[in-house]
Each structure stands twice: as C-alpha cells, then as structure tokens.
Amino acid sequence: MVRIDKYKILGTNVTKFAAWEQTSFNHNFYGHSTITHIDGICHGKIGTRDLDKETNKLPVGPIRTAAVHKHHNDQYEEAYALIIAQYPEAANGKRDMGEIEIYTA
C-alpha cells in the first residue's frame, strides 16, 4: 500500500509531497534508509529502498556508482508518478530525491 503525504512547511508558501510504502522489520533493517510510522504501521520512503543484491555486490568504482544512481533515480521517478497521479497540481513542482515541492501565493 502506498501513501502520499502532502504537507506545508510552516511559515512559508511551500507545500511538499512524498510517497511512502509499507515496509517491515527484517534482519535488523527495514528495507529503506528513511522510515516513519503511520497509524502504527512502518512505512519506507520511496526512493530510499535498499540496494538489490546484484548492485550491492559490485565493487567500489564507476560501475557501482552508476548502478546505485540508477537504483535511486528509478525509484524517484516512481515516486513522482505516484505523487502526480494523486495530486496533479504537483506536476510542475520542483522535483528532488523523490519529493515534489510547490509554491503557492
């Protein structure tokens, strides 16, 4: 289950959107580097999923760096699509690491 959060930054005209998915505790980790609890259920931020096994096995260097960037960028695009599907007004907002922010008057 995916949840899209929409929240305002206090004292500003900024509204932010983020996509979260349910995750669970597994072998001392949650499967995401950014987690929160929503209604008592653990959620991980889309864009922060752990590396897949193949990418994680790559040695340090440019091939691994490119694979890690692709891993995150694919998730960011997934998050943007989910956000815009629920909040079309975010389509032209500033995109950054799987979040979108818009400015209102």
PDB file of N, CA and C in Angstrom:
ATOM      1  N   MET A   1       0.844  -1.183   0.000  1.00  0.00           N
ATOM      2  CA  MET A   1       0.000   0.000   0.000  1.00  0.00           C
ATOM      3  C   MET A   1       0.887   1.243   0.000  1.00  0.00           C
ATOM      4  N   VAL A   2       0.556   2.176  -0.863  1.00  0.00           N
ATOM      5  CA  VAL A   2       1.317   3.416  -0.975  1.00  0.00           C
ATOM      6  C   VAL A   2       0.512   4.563  -0.375  1.00  0.00           C
ATOM      7  N   ARG A   3       1.201   5.431   0.318  1.00  0.00           N
ATOM      8  CA  ARG A   3       0.566   6.618   0.892  1.00  0.00           C
ATOM      9  C   ARG A   3       1.337   7.842   0.403  1.00  0.00           C
ATOM     10  N   ILE A   4       0.603   8.826  -0.062  1.00  0.00           N
ATOM     11  CA  ILE A   4       1.218  10.076  -0.490  1.00  0.00           C
ATOM     12  C   ILE A   4       0.939  11.122   0.584  1.00  0.00           C
ATOM     13  N   ASP A   5       1.996  11.680   1.144  1.00  0.00           N
ATOM     14  CA  ASP A   5       1.849  12.741   2.130  1.00  0.00           C
ATOM     15  C   ASP A   5       1.934  14.093   1.446  1.00  0.00           C
ATOM     16  N   LYS A   6       1.055  14.979   1.849  1.00  0.00           N
ATOM     17  CA  LYS A   6       1.058  16.367   1.396  1.00  0.00           C
ATOM     18  C   LYS A   6       1.103  17.210   2.666  1.00  0.00           C
ATOM     19  N   TYR A   7       2.110  18.060   2.770  1.00  0.00           N
ATOM     20  CA  TYR A   7       2.227  18.871   3.978  1.00  0.00           C
ATOM     21  C   TYR A   7       2.846  20.222   3.647  1.00  0.00           C
ATOM     22  N   LYS A   8       2.503  21.205   4.453  1.00  0.00           N
ATOM     23  CA  LYS A   8       3.029  22.565   4.281  1.00  0.00           C
ATOM     24  C   LYS A   8       4.193  22.780   5.239  1.00  0.00           C
ATOM     25  N   ILE A   9       5.161  23.576   4.783  1.00  0.00           N
ATOM     26  CA  ILE A   9       6.271  23.989   5.632  1.00  0.00           C
ATOM     27  C   ILE A   9       5.810  25.252   6.368  1.00  0.00           C
ATOM     28  N   LEU A  10       5.737  25.161   7.681  1.00  0.00           N
ATOM     29  CA  LEU A  10       5.219  26.280   8.478  1.00  0.00           C
ATOM     30  C   LEU A  10       5.952  27.586   8.184  1.00  0.00           C
ATOM     31  N   GLY A  11       5.187  28.649   8.094  1.00  0.00           N
ATOM     32  CA  GLY A  11       5.747  29.972   7.890  1.00  0.00           C
ATOM     33  C   GLY A  11       6.214  30.250   6.475  1.00  0.00           C
ATOM     34  N   THR A  12       5.898  29.344   5.532  1.00  0.00           N
ATOM     35  CA  THR A  12       6.307  29.534   4.140  1.00  0.00           C
ATOM     36  C   THR A  12       5.111  29.293   3.230  1.00  0.00           C
ATOM     37  N   ASN A  13       5.330  29.480   1.938  1.00  0.00           N
ATOM     38  CA  ASN A  13       4.303  29.157   0.945  1.00  0.00           C
ATOM     39  C   ASN A  13       4.645  27.853   0.216  1.00  0.00           C
ATOM     40  N   VAL A  14       5.403  26.973   0.887  1.00  0.00           N
ATOM     41  CA  VAL A  14       5.862  25.722   0.294  1.00  0.00           C
ATOM     42  C   VAL A  14       4.966  24.565   0.749  1.00  0.00           C
ATOM     43  N   THR A  15       4.522  23.777  -0.235  1.00  0.00           N
ATOM     44  CA  THR A  15       3.820  22.526   0.033  1.00  0.00           C
ATOM     45  C   THR A  15       4.672  21.406  -0.539  1.00  0.00           C
ATOM     46  N   LYS A  16       4.891  20.356   0.267  1.00  0.00           N
ATOM     47  CA  LYS A  16       5.725  19.229  -0.162  1.00  0.00           C
ATOM     48  C   LYS A  16       4.887  17.970  -0.257  1.00  0.00           C
ATOM     49  N   PHE A  17       5.340  17.071  -1.125  1.00  0.00           N
ATOM     50  CA  PHE A  17       4.692  15.784  -1.346  1.00  0.00           C
ATOM     51  C   PHE A  17       5.766  14.696  -1.266  1.00  0.00           C
ATOM     52  N   ALA A  18       5.427  13.586  -0.636  1.00  0.00           N
ATOM     53  CA  ALA A  18       6.350  12.449  -0.553  1.00  0.00           C
ATOM     54  C   ALA A  18       5.541  11.158  -0.650  1.00  0.00           C
ATOM     55  N   ALA A  19       6.147  10.128  -1.225  1.00  0.00           N
ATOM     56  CA  ALA A  19       5.488   8.830  -1.394  1.00  0.00           C
ATOM     57  C   ALA A  19       6.100   7.818  -0.422  1.00  0.00           C
ATOM     58  N   TRP A  20       5.235   7.116   0.290  1.00  0.00           N
ATOM     59  CA  TRP A  20       5.645   6.125   1.281  1.00  0.00           C
ATOM     60  C   TRP A  20       4.987   4.789   0.974  1.00  0.00           C
ATOM     61  N   GLU A  21       5.681   3.699   1.265  1.00  0.00           N
ATOM     62  CA  GLU A  21       5.123   2.359   1.089  1.00  0.00           C
ATOM     63  C   GLU A  21       5.338   1.560   2.368  1.00  0.00           C
ATOM     64  N   GLN A  22       4.434   0.620   2.623  1.00  0.00           N
ATOM     65  CA  GLN A  22       4.589  -0.205   3.811  1.00  0.00           C
ATOM     66  C   GLN A  22       5.867  -1.020   3.714  1.00  0.00           C
ATOM     67  N   THR A  23       6.534  -1.159   4.837  1.00  0.00           N
ATOM     68  CA  THR A  23       7.740  -1.967   4.930  1.00  0.00           C
ATOM     69  C   THR A  23       7.707  -2.685   6.260  1.00  0.00           C
ATOM     70  N   SER A  24       8.618  -3.576   6.464  1.00  0.00           N
ATOM     71  CA  SER A  24       8.626  -4.304   7.726  1.00  0.00           C
ATOM     72  C   SER A  24      10.049  -4.549   8.193  1.00  0.00           C
ATOM     73  N   PHE A  25      10.165  -4.793   9.468  1.00  0.00           N
ATOM     74  CA  PHE A  25      11.455  -5.073  10.077  1.00  0.00           C
ATOM     75  C   PHE A  25      11.927  -6.451   9.623  1.00  0.00           C
ATOM     76  N   ASN A  26      13.141  -6.528   9.064  1.00  0.00           N
ATOM     77  CA  ASN A  26      13.646  -7.790   8.549  1.00  0.00           C
ATOM     78  C   ASN A  26      15.158  -7.840   8.741  1.00  0.00           C
ATOM     79  N   HIS A  27      15.633  -8.738   9.538  1.00  0.00           N
ATOM     80  CA  HIS A  27      17.070  -8.910   9.771  1.00  0.00           C
ATOM     81  C   HIS A  27      17.749  -7.614  10.226  1.00  0.00           C
ATOM     82  N   ASN A  28      17.180  -6.952  11.177  1.00  0.00           N
ATOM     83  CA  ASN A  28      17.721  -5.729  11.782  1.00  0.00           C
ATOM     84  C   ASN A  28      17.596  -4.482  10.895  1.00  0.00           C
ATOM     85  N   PHE A  29      16.935  -4.588   9.751  1.00  0.00           N
ATOM     86  CA  PHE A  29      16.766  -3.439   8.878  1.00  0.00           C
ATOM     87  C   PHE A  29      15.314  -3.367   8.403  1.00  0.00           C
ATOM     88  N   TYR A  30      14.900  -2.225   7.927  1.00  0.00           N
ATOM     89  CA  TYR A  30      13.536  -2.026   7.464  1.00  0.00           C
ATOM     90  C   TYR A  30      13.394  -2.078   5.954  1.00  0.00           C
ATOM     91  N   GLY A  31      14.479  -2.174   5.196  1.00  0.00           N
ATOM     92  CA  GLY A  31      14.387  -2.218   3.747  1.00  0.00           C
ATOM     93  C   GLY A  31      14.439  -0.856   3.087  1.00  0.00           C
ATOM     94  N   HIS A  32      14.467   0.206   3.892  1.00  0.00           N
ATOM     95  CA  HIS A  32      14.553   1.584   3.403  1.00  0.00           C
ATOM     96  C   HIS A  32      15.494   2.352   4.329  1.00  0.00           C
ATOM     97  N   SER A  33      16.147   3.374   3.803  1.00  0.00           N
ATOM     98  CA  SER A  33      17.006   4.189   4.662  1.00  0.00           C
ATOM     99  C   SER A  33      16.233   5.297   5.353  1.00  0.00           C
ATOM    100  N   THR A  34      15.009   5.582   4.906  1.00  0.00           N
ATOM    101  CA  THR A  34      14.156   6.566   5.564  1.00  0.00           C
ATOM    102  C   THR A  34      12.830   5.894   5.882  1.00  0.00           C
ATOM    103  N   ILE A  35      12.505   5.857   7.172  1.00  0.00           N
ATOM    104  CA  ILE A  35      11.258   5.215   7.586  1.00  0.00           C
ATOM    105  C   ILE A  35      10.456   6.141   8.490  1.00  0.00           C
ATOM    106  N   THR A  36       9.179   5.833   8.613  1.00  0.00           N
ATOM    107  CA  THR A  36       8.295   6.512   9.551  1.00  0.00           C
ATOM    108  C   THR A  36       7.200   5.527   9.928  1.00  0.00           C
ATOM    109  N   HIS A  37       6.477   5.847  10.954  1.00  0.00           N
ATOM    110  CA  HIS A  37       5.333   5.031  11.344  1.00  0.00           C
ATOM    111  C   HIS A  37       4.071   5.853  11.140  1.00  0.00           C
ATOM    112  N   ILE A  38       3.141   5.289  10.379  1.00  0.00           N
ATOM    113  CA  ILE A  38       1.869   5.944  10.084  1.00  0.00           C
ATOM    114  C   ILE A  38       0.776   5.032  10.609  1.00  0.00           C
ATOM    115  N   ASP A  39       0.006   5.543  11.560  1.00  0.00           N
ATOM    116  CA  ASP A  39      -1.058   4.749  12.184  1.00  0.00           C
ATOM    117  C   ASP A  39      -0.522   3.421  12.712  1.00  0.00           C
ATOM    118  N   GLY A  40       0.679   3.456  13.285  1.00  0.00           N
ATOM    119  CA  GLY A  40       1.275   2.272  13.883  1.00  0.00           C
ATOM    120  C   GLY A  40       1.901   1.291  12.905  1.00  0.00           C
ATOM    121  N   ILE A  41       1.922   1.623  11.614  1.00  0.00           N
ATOM    122  CA  ILE A  41       2.478   0.746  10.588  1.00  0.00           C
ATOM    123  C   ILE A  41       3.745   1.382  10.032  1.00  0.00           C
ATOM    124  N   CYS A  42       4.794   0.586   9.910  1.00  0.00           N
ATOM    125  CA  CYS A  42       6.070   1.083   9.405  1.00  0.00           C
ATOM    126  C   CYS A  42       5.986   1.312   7.893  1.00  0.00           C
ATOM    127  N   HIS A  43       6.435   2.482   7.461  1.00  0.00           N
ATOM    128  CA  HIS A  43       6.484   2.844   6.041  1.00  0.00           C
ATOM    129  C   HIS A  43       7.895   3.304   5.686  1.00  0.00           C
ATOM    130  N   GLY A  44       8.335   2.964   4.477  1.00  0.00           N
ATOM    131  CA  GLY A  44       9.611   3.427   3.957  1.00  0.00           C
ATOM    132  C   GLY A  44       9.364   4.403   2.819  1.00  0.00           C
ATOM    133  N   LYS A  45      10.199   5.406   2.738  1.00  0.00           N
ATOM    134  CA  LYS A  45      10.048   6.417   1.687  1.00  0.00           C
ATOM    135  C   LYS A  45      10.502   5.841   0.352  1.00  0.00           C
ATOM    136  N   ILE A  46       9.650   5.968  -0.662  1.00  0.00           N
ATOM    137  CA  ILE A  46      10.029   5.501  -1.989  1.00  0.00           C
ATOM    138  C   ILE A  46      11.167   6.393  -2.485  1.00  0.00           C
ATOM    139  N   GLY A  47      12.239   5.754  -2.879  1.00  0.00           N
ATOM    140  CA  GLY A  47      13.463   6.461  -3.240  1.00  0.00           C
ATOM    141  C   GLY A  47      14.591   6.094  -2.293  1.00  0.00           C
ATOM    142  N   THR A  48      14.239   5.384  -1.196  1.00  0.00           N
ATOM    143  CA  THR A  48      15.262   5.014  -0.216  1.00  0.00           C
ATOM    144  C   THR A  48      15.306   3.504   0.024  1.00  0.00           C
ATOM    145  N   ARG A  49      14.785   2.719  -0.924  1.00  0.00           N
ATOM    146  CA  ARG A  49      14.854   1.263  -0.771  1.00  0.00           C
ATOM    147  C   ARG A  49      16.310   0.804  -0.762  1.00  0.00           C
ATOM    148  N   ASP A  50      16.545  -0.280  -0.021  1.00  0.00           N
ATOM    149  CA  ASP A  50      17.886  -0.869  -0.003  1.00  0.00           C
ATOM    150  C   ASP A  50      18.301  -1.279  -1.411  1.00  0.00           C
ATOM    151  N   LEU A  51      19.600  -1.346  -1.612  1.00  0.00           N
ATOM    152  CA  LEU A  51      20.125  -1.818  -2.891  1.00  0.00           C
ATOM    153  C   LEU A  51      19.741  -3.272  -3.110  1.00  0.00           C
ATOM    154  N   ASP A  52      19.509  -3.626  -4.372  1.00  0.00           N
ATOM    155  CA  ASP A  52      19.276  -5.032  -4.697  1.00  0.00           C
ATOM    156  C   ASP A  52      20.599  -5.786  -4.539  1.00  0.00           C
ATOM    157  N   LYS A  53      20.522  -7.102  -4.425  1.00  0.00           N
ATOM    158  CA  LYS A  53      21.706  -7.924  -4.144  1.00  0.00           C
ATOM    159  C   LYS A  53      22.786  -7.778  -5.203  1.00  0.00           C
ATOM    160  N   GLU A  54      22.396  -7.707  -6.476  1.00  0.00           N
ATOM    161  CA  GLU A  54      23.389  -7.620  -7.549  1.00  0.00           C
ATOM    162  C   GLU A  54      24.173  -6.308  -7.464  1.00  0.00           C
ATOM    163  N   THR A  55      23.464  -5.210  -7.258  1.00  0.00           N
ATOM    164  CA  THR A  55      24.139  -3.909  -7.150  1.00  0.00           C
ATOM    165  C   THR A  55      25.017  -3.872  -5.909  1.00  0.00           C
ATOM    166  N   ASN A  56      24.511  -4.414  -4.822  1.00  0.00           N
ATOM    167  CA  ASN A  56      25.257  -4.384  -3.567  1.00  0.00           C
ATOM    168  C   ASN A  56      26.560  -5.180  -3.647  1.00  0.00           C
ATOM    169  N   LYS A  57      26.635  -6.165  -4.536  1.00  0.00           N
ATOM    170  CA  LYS A  57      27.841  -6.991  -4.691  1.00  0.00           C
ATOM    171  C   LYS A  57      28.911  -6.334  -5.556  1.00  0.00           C
ATOM    172  N   LEU A  58      28.541  -5.293  -6.295  1.00  0.00           N
ATOM    173  CA  LEU A  58      29.518  -4.652  -7.189  1.00  0.00           C
ATOM    174  C   LEU A  58      30.635  -4.004  -6.386  1.00  0.00           C
ATOM    175  N   PRO A  59      31.880  -4.085  -6.878  1.00  0.00           N
ATOM    176  CA  PRO A  59      32.991  -3.433  -6.175  1.00  0.00           C
ATOM    177  C   PRO A  59      32.895  -1.908  -6.318  1.00  0.00           C
ATOM    178  N   VAL A  60      33.492  -1.225  -5.378  1.00  0.00           N
ATOM    179  CA  VAL A  60      33.517   0.238  -5.415  1.00  0.00           C
ATOM    180  C   VAL A  60      34.167   0.677  -6.720  1.00  0.00           C
ATOM    181  N   GLY A  61      33.557   1.638  -7.372  1.00  0.00           N
ATOM    182  CA  GLY A  61      34.090   2.140  -8.627  1.00  0.00           C
ATOM    183  C   GLY A  61      32.981   2.706  -9.487  1.00  0.00           C
ATOM    184  N   PRO A  62      33.297   3.113 -10.713  1.00  0.00           N
ATOM    185  CA  PRO A  62      32.317   3.795 -11.552  1.00  0.00           C
ATOM    186  C   PRO A  62      31.127   2.926 -11.949  1.00  0.00           C
ATOM    187  N   ILE A  63      31.310   1.623 -12.092  1.00  0.00           N
ATOM    188  CA  ILE A  63      30.181   0.765 -12.465  1.00  0.00           C
ATOM    189  C   ILE A  63      29.181   0.699 -11.316  1.00  0.00           C
ATOM    190  N   ARG A  64      29.680   0.549 -10.093  1.00  0.00           N
ATOM    191  CA  ARG A  64      28.790   0.531  -8.926  1.00  0.00           C
ATOM    192  C   ARG A  64      28.110   1.886  -8.758  1.00  0.00           C
ATOM    193  N   THR A  65      28.875   2.945  -8.911  1.00  0.00           N
ATOM    194  CA  THR A  65      28.307   4.290  -8.760  1.00  0.00           C
ATOM    195  C   THR A  65      27.154   4.497  -9.732  1.00  0.00           C
ATOM    196  N   ALA A  66      27.339   4.116 -10.981  1.00  0.00           N
ATOM    197  CA  ALA A  66      26.283   4.257 -11.986  1.00  0.00           C
ATOM    198  C   ALA A  66      25.066   3.399 -11.627  1.00  0.00           C
ATOM    199  N   ALA A  67      25.305   2.190 -11.139  1.00  0.00           N
ATOM    200  CA  ALA A  67      24.201   1.295 -10.770  1.00  0.00           C
ATOM    201  C   ALA A  67      23.417   1.848  -9.577  1.00  0.00           C
ATOM    202  N   VAL A  68      24.131   2.408  -8.602  1.00  0.00           N
ATOM    203  CA  VAL A  68      23.460   2.991  -7.433  1.00  0.00           C
ATOM    204  C   VAL A  68      22.635   4.202  -7.851  1.00  0.00           C
ATOM    205  N   HIS A  69      23.175   5.044  -8.707  1.00  0.00           N
ATOM    206  CA  HIS A  69      22.425   6.209  -9.199  1.00  0.00           C
ATOM    207  C   HIS A  69      21.166   5.765  -9.922  1.00  0.00           C
ATOM    208  N   LYS A  70      21.275   4.753 -10.772  1.00  0.00           N
ATOM    209  CA  LYS A  70      20.103   4.238 -11.489  1.00  0.00           C
ATOM    210  C   LYS A  70      19.084   3.674 -10.510  1.00  0.00           C
ATOM    211  N   HIS A  71      19.553   2.942  -9.513  1.00  0.00           N
ATOM    212  CA  HIS A  71      18.675   2.363  -8.486  1.00  0.00           C
ATOM    213  C   HIS A  71      17.823   3.457  -7.836  1.00  0.00           C
ATOM    214  N   HIS A  72      18.458   4.536  -7.428  1.00  0.00           N
ATOM    215  CA  HIS A  72      17.731   5.626  -6.775  1.00  0.00           C
ATOM    216  C   HIS A  72      16.881   6.423  -7.768  1.00  0.00           C
ATOM    217  N   ASN A  73      17.443   6.747  -8.923  1.00  0.00           N
ATOM    218  CA  ASN A  73      16.691   7.552  -9.892  1.00  0.00           C
ATOM    219  C   ASN A  73      15.429   6.851 -10.372  1.00  0.00           C
ATOM    220  N   ASP A  74      15.479   5.528 -10.563  1.00  0.00           N
ATOM    221  CA  ASP A  74      14.273   4.790 -10.943  1.00  0.00           C
ATOM    222  C   ASP A  74      13.201   4.908  -9.865  1.00  0.00           C
ATOM    223  N   GLN A  75      13.612   4.835  -8.612  1.00  0.00           N
ATOM    224  CA  GLN A  75      12.652   4.984  -7.509  1.00  0.00           C
ATOM    225  C   GLN A  75      12.100   6.408  -7.436  1.00  0.00           C
ATOM    226  N   TYR A  76      12.953   7.388  -7.664  1.00  0.00           N
ATOM    227  CA  TYR A  76      12.481   8.773  -7.643  1.00  0.00           C
ATOM    228  C   TYR A  76      11.404   8.978  -8.706  1.00  0.00           C
ATOM    229  N   GLU A  77      11.635   8.446  -9.895  1.00  0.00           N
ATOM    230  CA  GLU A  77      10.639   8.576 -10.966  1.00  0.00           C
ATOM    231  C   GLU A  77       9.337   7.875 -10.583  1.00  0.00           C
ATOM    232  N   GLU A  78       9.444   6.731  -9.926  1.00  0.00           N
ATOM    233  CA  GLU A  78       8.255   6.023  -9.440  1.00  0.00           C
ATOM    234  C   GLU A  78       7.493   6.899  -8.445  1.00  0.00           C
ATOM    235  N   ALA A  79       8.218   7.513  -7.514  1.00  0.00           N
ATOM    236  CA  ALA A  79       7.590   8.379  -6.515  1.00  0.00           C
ATOM    237  C   ALA A  79       6.905   9.575  -7.176  1.00  0.00           C
ATOM    238  N   TYR A  80       7.583  10.225  -8.134  1.00  0.00           N
ATOM    239  CA  TYR A  80       6.983  11.376  -8.817  1.00  0.00           C
ATOM    240  C   TYR A  80       5.675  10.985  -9.504  1.00  0.00           C
ATOM    241  N   ALA A  81       5.680   9.833 -10.183  1.00  0.00           N
ATOM    242  CA  ALA A  81       4.473   9.388 -10.885  1.00  0.00           C
ATOM    243  C   ALA A  81       3.324   9.131  -9.904  1.00  0.00           C
ATOM    244  N   LEU A  82       3.627   8.509  -8.768  1.00  0.00           N
ATOM    245  CA  LEU A  82       2.593   8.241  -7.767  1.00  0.00           C
ATOM    246  C   LEU A  82       2.042   9.538  -7.171  1.00  0.00           C
ATOM    247  N   ILE A  83       2.929  10.480  -6.900  1.00  0.00           N
ATOM    248  CA  ILE A  83       2.502  11.771  -6.337  1.00  0.00           C
ATOM    249  C   ILE A  83       1.595  12.504  -7.313  1.00  0.00           C
ATOM    250  N   ILE A  84       2.028  12.602  -8.565  1.00  0.00           N
ATOM    251  CA  ILE A  84       1.263  13.351  -9.574  1.00  0.00           C
ATOM    252  C   ILE A  84      -0.074  12.682  -9.866  1.00  0.00           C
ATOM    253  N   ALA A  85      -0.122  11.360  -9.807  1.00  0.00           N
ATOM    254  CA  ALA A  85      -1.389  10.658 -10.025  1.00  0.00           C
ATOM    255  C   ALA A  85      -2.422  11.057  -8.980  1.00  0.00           C
ATOM    256  N   GLN A  86      -1.979  11.284  -7.755  1.00  0.00           N
ATOM    257  CA  GLN A  86      -2.912  11.660  -6.686  1.00  0.00           C
ATOM    258  C   GLN A  86      -3.083  13.172  -6.570  1.00  0.00           C
ATOM    259  N   TYR A  87      -2.034  13.925  -6.866  1.00  0.00           N
ATOM    260  CA  TYR A  87      -2.060  15.380  -6.756  1.00  0.00           C
ATOM    261  C   TYR A  87      -1.548  15.997  -8.057  1.00  0.00           C
ATOM    262  N   PRO A  88      -2.395  16.109  -9.075  1.00  0.00           N
ATOM    263  CA  PRO A  88      -1.953  16.643 -10.368  1.00  0.00           C
ATOM    264  C   PRO A  88      -1.328  18.032 -10.269  1.00  0.00           C
ATOM    265  N   GLU A  89      -1.707  18.800  -9.260  1.00  0.00           N
ATOM    266  CA  GLU A  89      -1.146  20.148  -9.102  1.00  0.00           C
ATOM    267  C   GLU A  89       0.362  20.115  -8.840  1.00  0.00           C
ATOM    268  N   ALA A  90       0.901  18.951  -8.501  1.00  0.00           N
ATOM    269  CA  ALA A  90       2.337  18.832  -8.237  1.00  0.00           C
ATOM    270  C   ALA A  90       3.157  18.607  -9.502  1.00  0.00           C
ATOM    271  N   ALA A  91       2.498  18.419 -10.640  1.00  0.00           N
ATOM    272  CA  ALA A  91       3.192  18.043 -11.878  1.00  0.00           C
ATOM    273  C   ALA A  91       4.315  19.002 -12.272  1.00  0.00           C
ATOM    274  N   ASN A  92       4.142  20.272 -12.051  1.00  0.00           N
ATOM    275  CA  ASN A  92       5.156  21.246 -12.456  1.00  0.00           C
ATOM    276  C   ASN A  92       6.026  21.717 -11.296  1.00  0.00           C
ATOM    277  N   GLY A  93       5.936  21.017 -10.168  1.00  0.00           N
ATOM    278  CA  GLY A  93       6.705  21.405  -9.000  1.00  0.00           C
ATOM    279  C   GLY A  93       8.167  21.019  -9.110  1.00  0.00           C
ATOM    280  N   LYS A  94       8.934  21.478  -8.153  1.00  0.00           N
ATOM    281  CA  LYS A  94      10.369  21.169  -8.083  1.00  0.00           C
ATOM    282  C   LYS A  94      10.526  19.727  -7.585  1.00  0.00           C
ATOM    283  N   ARG A  95      11.250  18.927  -8.347  1.00  0.00           N
ATOM    284  CA  ARG A  95      11.462  17.519  -8.008  1.00  0.00           C
ATOM    285  C   ARG A  95      12.851  17.351  -7.410  1.00  0.00           C
ATOM    286  N   ASP A  96      12.885  16.648  -6.286  1.00  0.00           N
ATOM    287  CA  ASP A  96      14.166  16.452  -5.620  1.00  0.00           C
ATOM    288  C   ASP A  96      14.136  15.173  -4.800  1.00  0.00           C
ATOM    289  N   MET A  97      14.935  14.200  -5.187  1.00  0.00           N
ATOM    290  CA  MET A  97      15.114  12.959  -4.449  1.00  0.00           C
ATOM    291  C   MET A  97      13.785  12.287  -4.077  1.00  0.00           C
ATOM    292  N   GLY A  98      12.867  12.217  -5.039  1.00  0.00           N
ATOM    293  CA  GLY A  98      11.609  11.530  -4.828  1.00  0.00           C
ATOM    294  C   GLY A  98      10.524  12.362  -4.184  1.00  0.00           C
ATOM    295  N   GLU A  99      10.805  13.601  -3.872  1.00  0.00           N
ATOM    296  CA  GLU A  99       9.806  14.517  -3.325  1.00  0.00           C
ATOM    297  C   GLU A  99       9.527  15.616  -4.338  1.00  0.00           C
ATOM    298  N   ILE A 100       8.346  16.203  -4.222  1.00  0.00           N
ATOM    299  CA  ILE A 100       7.996  17.350  -5.063  1.00  0.00           C
ATOM    300  C   ILE A 100       7.562  18.470  -4.145  1.00  0.00           C
ATOM    301  N   GLU A 101       7.985  19.683  -4.476  1.00  0.00           N
ATOM    302  CA  GLU A 101       7.502  20.837  -3.708  1.00  0.00           C
ATOM    303  C   GLU A 101       6.949  21.875  -4.668  1.00  0.00           C
ATOM    304  N   ILE A 102       5.879  22.517  -4.210  1.00  0.00           N
ATOM    305  CA  ILE A 102       5.258  23.595  -4.985  1.00  0.00           C
ATOM    306  C   ILE A 102       5.171  24.825  -4.103  1.00  0.00           C
ATOM    307  N   TYR A 103       5.051  25.958  -4.764  1.00  0.00           N
ATOM    308  CA  TYR A 103       4.955  27.239  -4.064  1.00  0.00           C
ATOM    309  C   TYR A 103       3.593  27.841  -4.378  1.00  0.00           C
ATOM    310  N   THR A 104       2.897  28.290  -3.356  1.00  0.00           N
ATOM    311  CA  THR A 104       1.584  28.890  -3.532  1.00  0.00           C
ATOM    312  C   THR A 104       1.611  30.338  -3.058  1.00  0.00           C
ATOM    313  N   ALA A 105       0.679  31.093  -3.575  1.00  0.00           N
ATOM    314  CA  ALA A 105       0.621  32.530  -3.212  1.00  0.00           C
ATOM    315  C   ALA A 105       0.073  32.706  -1.822  1.00  0.00           C
TER     316      ALA A 105
END
